[in-house]
């Protein structure tokens, strides 16, 4: 029987082990990190802007590791707490809008089936 002393699935210290995903699949892990690092380099968007986007997306996909990583990254880049929360609200608004717009599908089907 599998026993663990951990109190929950998410363990903040596991974020430090992220680099270890290459251990079981070096070729794919290395390709992922090459891509990941390229995405976050300065480009048309600044690294600061990318950090805010990543923080918002982290909340939308509900990744506690990403939330931790990009909260810390944002602080290191001088992103203020109000900017962080505004980014989270942008993500939340898009997520809720995406759920609500599917209501049109329900309304269309309802009208079709109720005829």
N, C-alpha and C. Protein backbone atom coordinates (compact mmCIF):
# COMPACT_ATOMS: atom_id res chain seq x y z
N UNK A 1 0.84 -1.18 0.00
CA UNK A 1 0.00 0.00 0.00
C UNK A 1 0.89 1.25 0.00
N UNK A 2 0.50 2.24 -0.77
CA UNK A 2 1.27 3.46 -0.91
C UNK A 2 0.90 4.42 0.21
N UNK A 3 1.89 4.83 0.96
CA UNK A 3 1.67 5.80 2.04
C UNK A 3 2.52 7.03 1.78
N UNK A 4 1.99 8.15 2.14
CA UNK A 4 2.74 9.40 2.01
C UNK A 4 2.50 10.26 3.24
N UNK A 5 3.52 10.97 3.60
CA UNK A 5 3.41 11.87 4.75
C UNK A 5 2.94 13.26 4.29
N UNK A 6 2.83 13.46 2.99
CA UNK A 6 2.41 14.75 2.47
C UNK A 6 0.95 15.00 2.82
N UNK A 7 0.62 16.27 3.01
CA UNK A 7 -0.74 16.64 3.39
C UNK A 7 -1.65 16.85 2.19
N UNK A 8 -1.11 16.95 1.02
CA UNK A 8 -1.91 17.17 -0.17
C UNK A 8 -1.10 16.89 -1.41
N UNK A 9 -1.78 16.95 -2.54
CA UNK A 9 -1.13 16.65 -3.81
C UNK A 9 -0.07 17.69 -4.16
N UNK A 10 -0.44 18.95 -4.02
CA UNK A 10 0.47 20.04 -4.37
C UNK A 10 1.47 20.28 -3.24
N UNK A 11 2.74 20.20 -3.59
CA UNK A 11 3.81 20.47 -2.64
C UNK A 11 4.71 21.55 -3.24
N UNK A 12 4.74 22.75 -2.65
CA UNK A 12 5.53 23.85 -3.22
C UNK A 12 6.98 23.48 -3.54
N UNK A 13 7.56 22.64 -2.73
CA UNK A 13 8.97 22.26 -2.96
C UNK A 13 9.16 21.45 -4.24
N UNK A 14 8.08 20.88 -4.76
CA UNK A 14 8.18 20.10 -6.00
C UNK A 14 8.50 20.98 -7.21
N UNK A 15 8.20 22.27 -7.14
CA UNK A 15 8.52 23.16 -8.25
C UNK A 15 10.02 23.13 -8.56
N UNK A 16 10.83 22.99 -7.54
CA UNK A 16 12.29 22.93 -7.72
C UNK A 16 12.70 21.68 -8.51
N UNK A 17 11.84 20.69 -8.55
CA UNK A 17 12.14 19.43 -9.25
C UNK A 17 11.69 19.45 -10.71
N UNK A 18 11.11 20.54 -11.15
CA UNK A 18 10.58 20.62 -12.52
C UNK A 18 11.63 20.26 -13.55
N UNK A 19 12.85 20.72 -13.35
CA UNK A 19 13.93 20.43 -14.29
C UNK A 19 14.18 18.94 -14.43
N UNK A 20 13.79 18.17 -13.43
CA UNK A 20 14.03 16.73 -13.43
C UNK A 20 13.15 15.96 -14.40
N UNK A 21 12.18 16.62 -15.02
CA UNK A 21 11.34 15.89 -15.99
C UNK A 21 12.16 15.40 -17.17
N UNK A 22 13.31 15.99 -17.37
CA UNK A 22 14.18 15.53 -18.47
C UNK A 22 14.83 14.19 -18.14
N UNK A 23 14.85 13.78 -16.89
CA UNK A 23 15.52 12.55 -16.49
C UNK A 23 14.94 11.31 -17.16
N UNK A 24 13.65 11.27 -17.32
CA UNK A 24 13.01 10.07 -17.86
C UNK A 24 12.82 10.14 -19.37
N UNK A 25 12.99 11.33 -19.93
CA UNK A 25 12.87 11.52 -21.38
C UNK A 25 13.73 12.71 -21.77
N UNK A 26 15.05 12.53 -21.79
CA UNK A 26 15.95 13.66 -22.04
C UNK A 26 15.67 14.40 -23.35
N UNK A 27 15.42 13.67 -24.42
CA UNK A 27 15.23 14.33 -25.72
C UNK A 27 14.00 15.25 -25.69
N UNK A 28 12.88 14.72 -25.22
CA UNK A 28 11.67 15.53 -25.19
C UNK A 28 11.73 16.61 -24.13
N UNK A 29 12.30 16.29 -22.97
CA UNK A 29 12.45 17.29 -21.91
C UNK A 29 13.31 18.45 -22.36
N UNK A 30 14.43 18.14 -23.01
CA UNK A 30 15.31 19.19 -23.50
C UNK A 30 14.62 20.05 -24.54
N UNK A 31 13.85 19.41 -25.43
CA UNK A 31 13.11 20.17 -26.44
C UNK A 31 12.09 21.10 -25.79
N UNK A 32 11.41 20.59 -24.77
CA UNK A 32 10.43 21.42 -24.08
C UNK A 32 11.11 22.64 -23.47
N UNK A 33 12.19 22.43 -22.72
CA UNK A 33 12.85 23.55 -22.05
C UNK A 33 13.48 24.52 -23.05
N UNK A 34 13.94 24.03 -24.18
CA UNK A 34 14.47 24.92 -25.22
C UNK A 34 13.35 25.83 -25.73
N UNK A 35 12.20 25.21 -26.00
CA UNK A 35 11.04 25.98 -26.45
C UNK A 35 10.57 26.95 -25.36
N UNK A 36 10.41 26.46 -24.15
CA UNK A 36 9.92 27.26 -23.03
C UNK A 36 10.81 28.49 -22.83
N UNK A 37 12.12 28.29 -22.81
CA UNK A 37 13.05 29.40 -22.61
C UNK A 37 13.00 30.38 -23.77
N UNK A 38 12.82 29.88 -24.99
CA UNK A 38 12.72 30.77 -26.15
C UNK A 38 11.46 31.63 -26.06
N UNK A 39 10.36 31.04 -25.61
CA UNK A 39 9.10 31.78 -25.50
C UNK A 39 9.24 32.96 -24.56
N UNK A 40 9.97 32.79 -23.47
CA UNK A 40 10.04 33.83 -22.45
C UNK A 40 11.18 34.84 -22.65
N UNK A 41 11.91 34.73 -23.76
CA UNK A 41 12.93 35.74 -24.07
C UNK A 41 12.26 37.03 -24.51
N UNK A 42 12.96 38.14 -24.35
CA UNK A 42 12.46 39.42 -24.82
C UNK A 42 12.17 39.32 -26.31
N UNK A 43 11.08 39.87 -26.73
CA UNK A 43 10.71 39.87 -28.14
C UNK A 43 9.79 41.05 -28.39
N UNK A 44 8.74 40.84 -29.17
CA UNK A 44 7.76 41.90 -29.37
C UNK A 44 7.12 42.28 -28.04
N UNK A 45 7.02 41.28 -27.14
CA UNK A 45 6.56 41.53 -25.76
C UNK A 45 7.77 41.50 -24.85
N UNK A 46 7.74 42.34 -23.84
CA UNK A 46 8.82 42.35 -22.86
C UNK A 46 8.70 41.12 -21.94
N UNK A 47 9.79 40.78 -21.30
CA UNK A 47 9.75 39.67 -20.33
C UNK A 47 8.76 39.98 -19.21
N UNK A 48 8.63 41.24 -18.86
CA UNK A 48 7.68 41.66 -17.83
C UNK A 48 6.25 41.39 -18.28
N UNK A 49 5.93 41.76 -19.51
CA UNK A 49 4.59 41.52 -20.05
C UNK A 49 4.31 40.02 -20.12
N UNK A 50 5.29 39.26 -20.55
CA UNK A 50 5.12 37.81 -20.64
C UNK A 50 4.89 37.20 -19.26
N UNK A 51 5.54 37.74 -18.25
CA UNK A 51 5.35 37.25 -16.89
C UNK A 51 3.92 37.49 -16.42
N UNK A 52 3.37 38.65 -16.74
CA UNK A 52 1.97 38.94 -16.37
C UNK A 52 1.00 38.03 -17.12
N UNK A 53 1.26 37.80 -18.40
CA UNK A 53 0.42 36.88 -19.18
C UNK A 53 0.49 35.49 -18.57
N UNK A 54 1.70 35.04 -18.25
CA UNK A 54 1.88 33.72 -17.66
C UNK A 54 1.14 33.60 -16.33
N UNK A 55 1.16 34.66 -15.54
CA UNK A 55 0.46 34.64 -14.26
C UNK A 55 -1.04 34.52 -14.46
N UNK A 56 -1.58 35.25 -15.42
CA UNK A 56 -3.02 35.16 -15.70
C UNK A 56 -3.39 33.77 -16.20
N UNK A 57 -2.60 33.24 -17.13
CA UNK A 57 -2.88 31.91 -17.68
C UNK A 57 -2.74 30.86 -16.58
N UNK A 58 -1.76 31.02 -15.70
CA UNK A 58 -1.57 30.07 -14.60
C UNK A 58 -2.84 29.95 -13.76
N UNK A 59 -3.51 31.08 -13.56
CA UNK A 59 -4.75 31.05 -12.79
C UNK A 59 -5.88 30.38 -13.58
N UNK A 60 -5.95 30.67 -14.87
CA UNK A 60 -7.00 30.09 -15.70
C UNK A 60 -6.86 28.57 -15.78
N UNK A 61 -5.61 28.08 -15.92
CA UNK A 61 -5.42 26.63 -16.00
C UNK A 61 -5.26 26.01 -14.61
N UNK A 62 -5.29 26.84 -13.60
CA UNK A 62 -5.26 26.43 -12.18
C UNK A 62 -4.05 25.58 -11.85
N UNK A 63 -2.87 26.11 -12.21
CA UNK A 63 -1.61 25.43 -11.90
C UNK A 63 -0.94 26.12 -10.72
N UNK A 64 -1.00 25.51 -9.54
CA UNK A 64 -0.41 26.17 -8.37
C UNK A 64 1.09 26.38 -8.51
N UNK A 65 1.77 25.47 -9.19
CA UNK A 65 3.22 25.63 -9.39
C UNK A 65 3.50 26.87 -10.24
N UNK A 66 2.72 27.05 -11.30
CA UNK A 66 2.89 28.20 -12.19
C UNK A 66 2.52 29.50 -11.47
N UNK A 67 1.48 29.46 -10.66
CA UNK A 67 1.09 30.64 -9.89
C UNK A 67 2.25 31.05 -8.98
N UNK A 68 2.84 30.08 -8.29
CA UNK A 68 4.00 30.39 -7.44
C UNK A 68 5.15 30.96 -8.26
N UNK A 69 5.46 30.28 -9.36
CA UNK A 69 6.62 30.67 -10.17
C UNK A 69 6.45 32.08 -10.74
N UNK A 70 5.26 32.39 -11.25
CA UNK A 70 5.09 33.68 -11.91
C UNK A 70 4.72 34.80 -10.94
N UNK A 71 4.29 34.47 -9.75
CA UNK A 71 4.17 35.50 -8.71
C UNK A 71 5.58 35.93 -8.31
N UNK A 72 6.45 34.96 -8.07
CA UNK A 72 7.85 35.27 -7.71
C UNK A 72 8.55 35.99 -8.85
N UNK A 73 8.36 35.51 -10.08
CA UNK A 73 8.99 36.14 -11.24
C UNK A 73 8.51 37.58 -11.37
N UNK A 74 7.22 37.79 -11.20
CA UNK A 74 6.66 39.14 -11.30
C UNK A 74 7.24 40.07 -10.25
N UNK A 75 7.36 39.59 -9.03
CA UNK A 75 7.95 40.40 -7.98
C UNK A 75 9.38 40.79 -8.33
N UNK A 76 10.14 39.85 -8.88
CA UNK A 76 11.52 40.14 -9.28
C UNK A 76 11.58 41.14 -10.42
N UNK A 77 10.53 41.22 -11.20
CA UNK A 77 10.49 42.15 -12.33
C UNK A 77 9.83 43.47 -11.96
N UNK A 78 9.50 43.65 -10.68
CA UNK A 78 8.91 44.90 -10.23
C UNK A 78 7.44 45.05 -10.53
N UNK A 79 6.76 43.95 -10.80
CA UNK A 79 5.32 44.00 -11.06
C UNK A 79 4.61 44.20 -9.72
N UNK A 80 3.75 45.19 -9.69
CA UNK A 80 3.02 45.54 -8.47
C UNK A 80 1.85 44.58 -8.25
N UNK A 81 1.43 44.45 -7.00
CA UNK A 81 0.33 43.53 -6.66
C UNK A 81 -0.96 43.89 -7.39
N UNK A 82 -1.19 45.18 -7.61
CA UNK A 82 -2.39 45.60 -8.32
C UNK A 82 -2.36 45.14 -9.78
N UNK A 83 -1.17 45.17 -10.38
CA UNK A 83 -1.03 44.70 -11.75
C UNK A 83 -1.26 43.19 -11.82
N UNK A 84 -0.73 42.48 -10.83
CA UNK A 84 -0.92 41.02 -10.77
C UNK A 84 -2.40 40.68 -10.67
N UNK A 85 -3.09 41.35 -9.76
CA UNK A 85 -4.51 41.05 -9.57
C UNK A 85 -5.32 41.43 -10.79
N UNK A 86 -4.96 42.53 -11.44
CA UNK A 86 -5.67 42.93 -12.66
C UNK A 86 -5.48 41.87 -13.75
N UNK A 87 -4.27 41.34 -13.86
CA UNK A 87 -4.00 40.27 -14.84
C UNK A 87 -4.84 39.03 -14.52
N UNK A 88 -4.95 38.70 -13.23
CA UNK A 88 -5.77 37.55 -12.83
C UNK A 88 -7.23 37.79 -13.20
N UNK A 89 -7.71 39.01 -13.02
CA UNK A 89 -9.09 39.33 -13.39
C UNK A 89 -9.30 39.26 -14.90
N UNK A 90 -8.30 39.65 -15.67
CA UNK A 90 -8.41 39.53 -17.13
C UNK A 90 -8.58 38.05 -17.49
N UNK A 91 -7.75 37.20 -16.90
CA UNK A 91 -7.86 35.76 -17.16
C UNK A 91 -9.21 35.22 -16.73
N UNK A 92 -9.68 35.64 -15.57
CA UNK A 92 -10.97 35.19 -15.06
C UNK A 92 -12.12 35.65 -15.97
N UNK A 93 -12.03 36.87 -16.46
CA UNK A 93 -13.08 37.39 -17.34
C UNK A 93 -13.14 36.60 -18.64
N UNK A 94 -11.98 36.27 -19.21
CA UNK A 94 -11.96 35.49 -20.44
C UNK A 94 -12.50 34.09 -20.18
N UNK A 95 -12.10 33.48 -19.06
CA UNK A 95 -12.57 32.13 -18.72
C UNK A 95 -14.10 32.14 -18.54
N UNK A 96 -14.63 33.14 -17.80
CA UNK A 96 -16.07 33.18 -17.60
C UNK A 96 -16.81 33.50 -18.89
N UNK A 97 -16.24 34.38 -19.69
CA UNK A 97 -16.86 34.69 -20.98
C UNK A 97 -16.90 33.46 -21.88
N UNK A 98 -15.84 32.66 -21.85
CA UNK A 98 -15.80 31.45 -22.66
C UNK A 98 -16.88 30.47 -22.21
N UNK A 99 -17.09 30.37 -20.90
CA UNK A 99 -18.16 29.50 -20.41
C UNK A 99 -19.53 30.04 -20.81
N UNK A 100 -19.73 31.34 -20.65
CA UNK A 100 -21.03 31.93 -20.93
C UNK A 100 -21.38 31.94 -22.42
N UNK A 101 -20.39 32.15 -23.29
CA UNK A 101 -20.69 32.19 -24.72
C UNK A 101 -21.18 30.84 -25.21
N UNK A 102 -20.80 29.76 -24.52
CA UNK A 102 -21.33 28.45 -24.88
C UNK A 102 -22.82 28.34 -24.57
N UNK A 103 -23.34 29.29 -23.80
CA UNK A 103 -24.77 29.35 -23.56
C UNK A 103 -25.55 29.56 -24.85
N UNK A 104 -24.91 30.18 -25.84
CA UNK A 104 -25.56 30.37 -27.15
C UNK A 104 -25.84 29.00 -27.77
N UNK A 105 -24.89 28.08 -27.65
CA UNK A 105 -25.10 26.72 -28.17
C UNK A 105 -26.31 26.08 -27.49
N UNK A 106 -26.39 26.23 -26.16
CA UNK A 106 -27.52 25.68 -25.42
C UNK A 106 -28.82 26.32 -25.89
N UNK A 107 -28.82 27.63 -26.05
CA UNK A 107 -30.03 28.33 -26.47
C UNK A 107 -30.45 27.88 -27.87
N UNK A 108 -29.49 27.74 -28.78
CA UNK A 108 -29.81 27.27 -30.14
C UNK A 108 -30.41 25.87 -30.12
N UNK A 109 -29.79 24.97 -29.36
CA UNK A 109 -30.28 23.61 -29.30
C UNK A 109 -31.66 23.56 -28.63
N UNK A 110 -31.82 24.34 -27.57
CA UNK A 110 -33.12 24.41 -26.90
C UNK A 110 -34.21 24.83 -27.87
N UNK A 111 -33.94 25.92 -28.63
CA UNK A 111 -34.93 26.41 -29.57
C UNK A 111 -35.23 25.39 -30.67
N UNK A 112 -34.20 24.69 -31.12
CA UNK A 112 -34.37 23.68 -32.17
C UNK A 112 -35.21 22.51 -31.67
N UNK A 113 -34.90 22.02 -30.46
CA UNK A 113 -35.59 20.86 -29.90
C UNK A 113 -36.99 21.19 -29.37
N UNK A 114 -37.23 22.45 -29.06
CA UNK A 114 -38.52 22.84 -28.49
C UNK A 114 -39.57 23.17 -29.55
N UNK A 115 -39.18 23.16 -30.79
CA UNK A 115 -40.11 23.53 -31.87
C UNK A 115 -41.18 22.50 -32.05
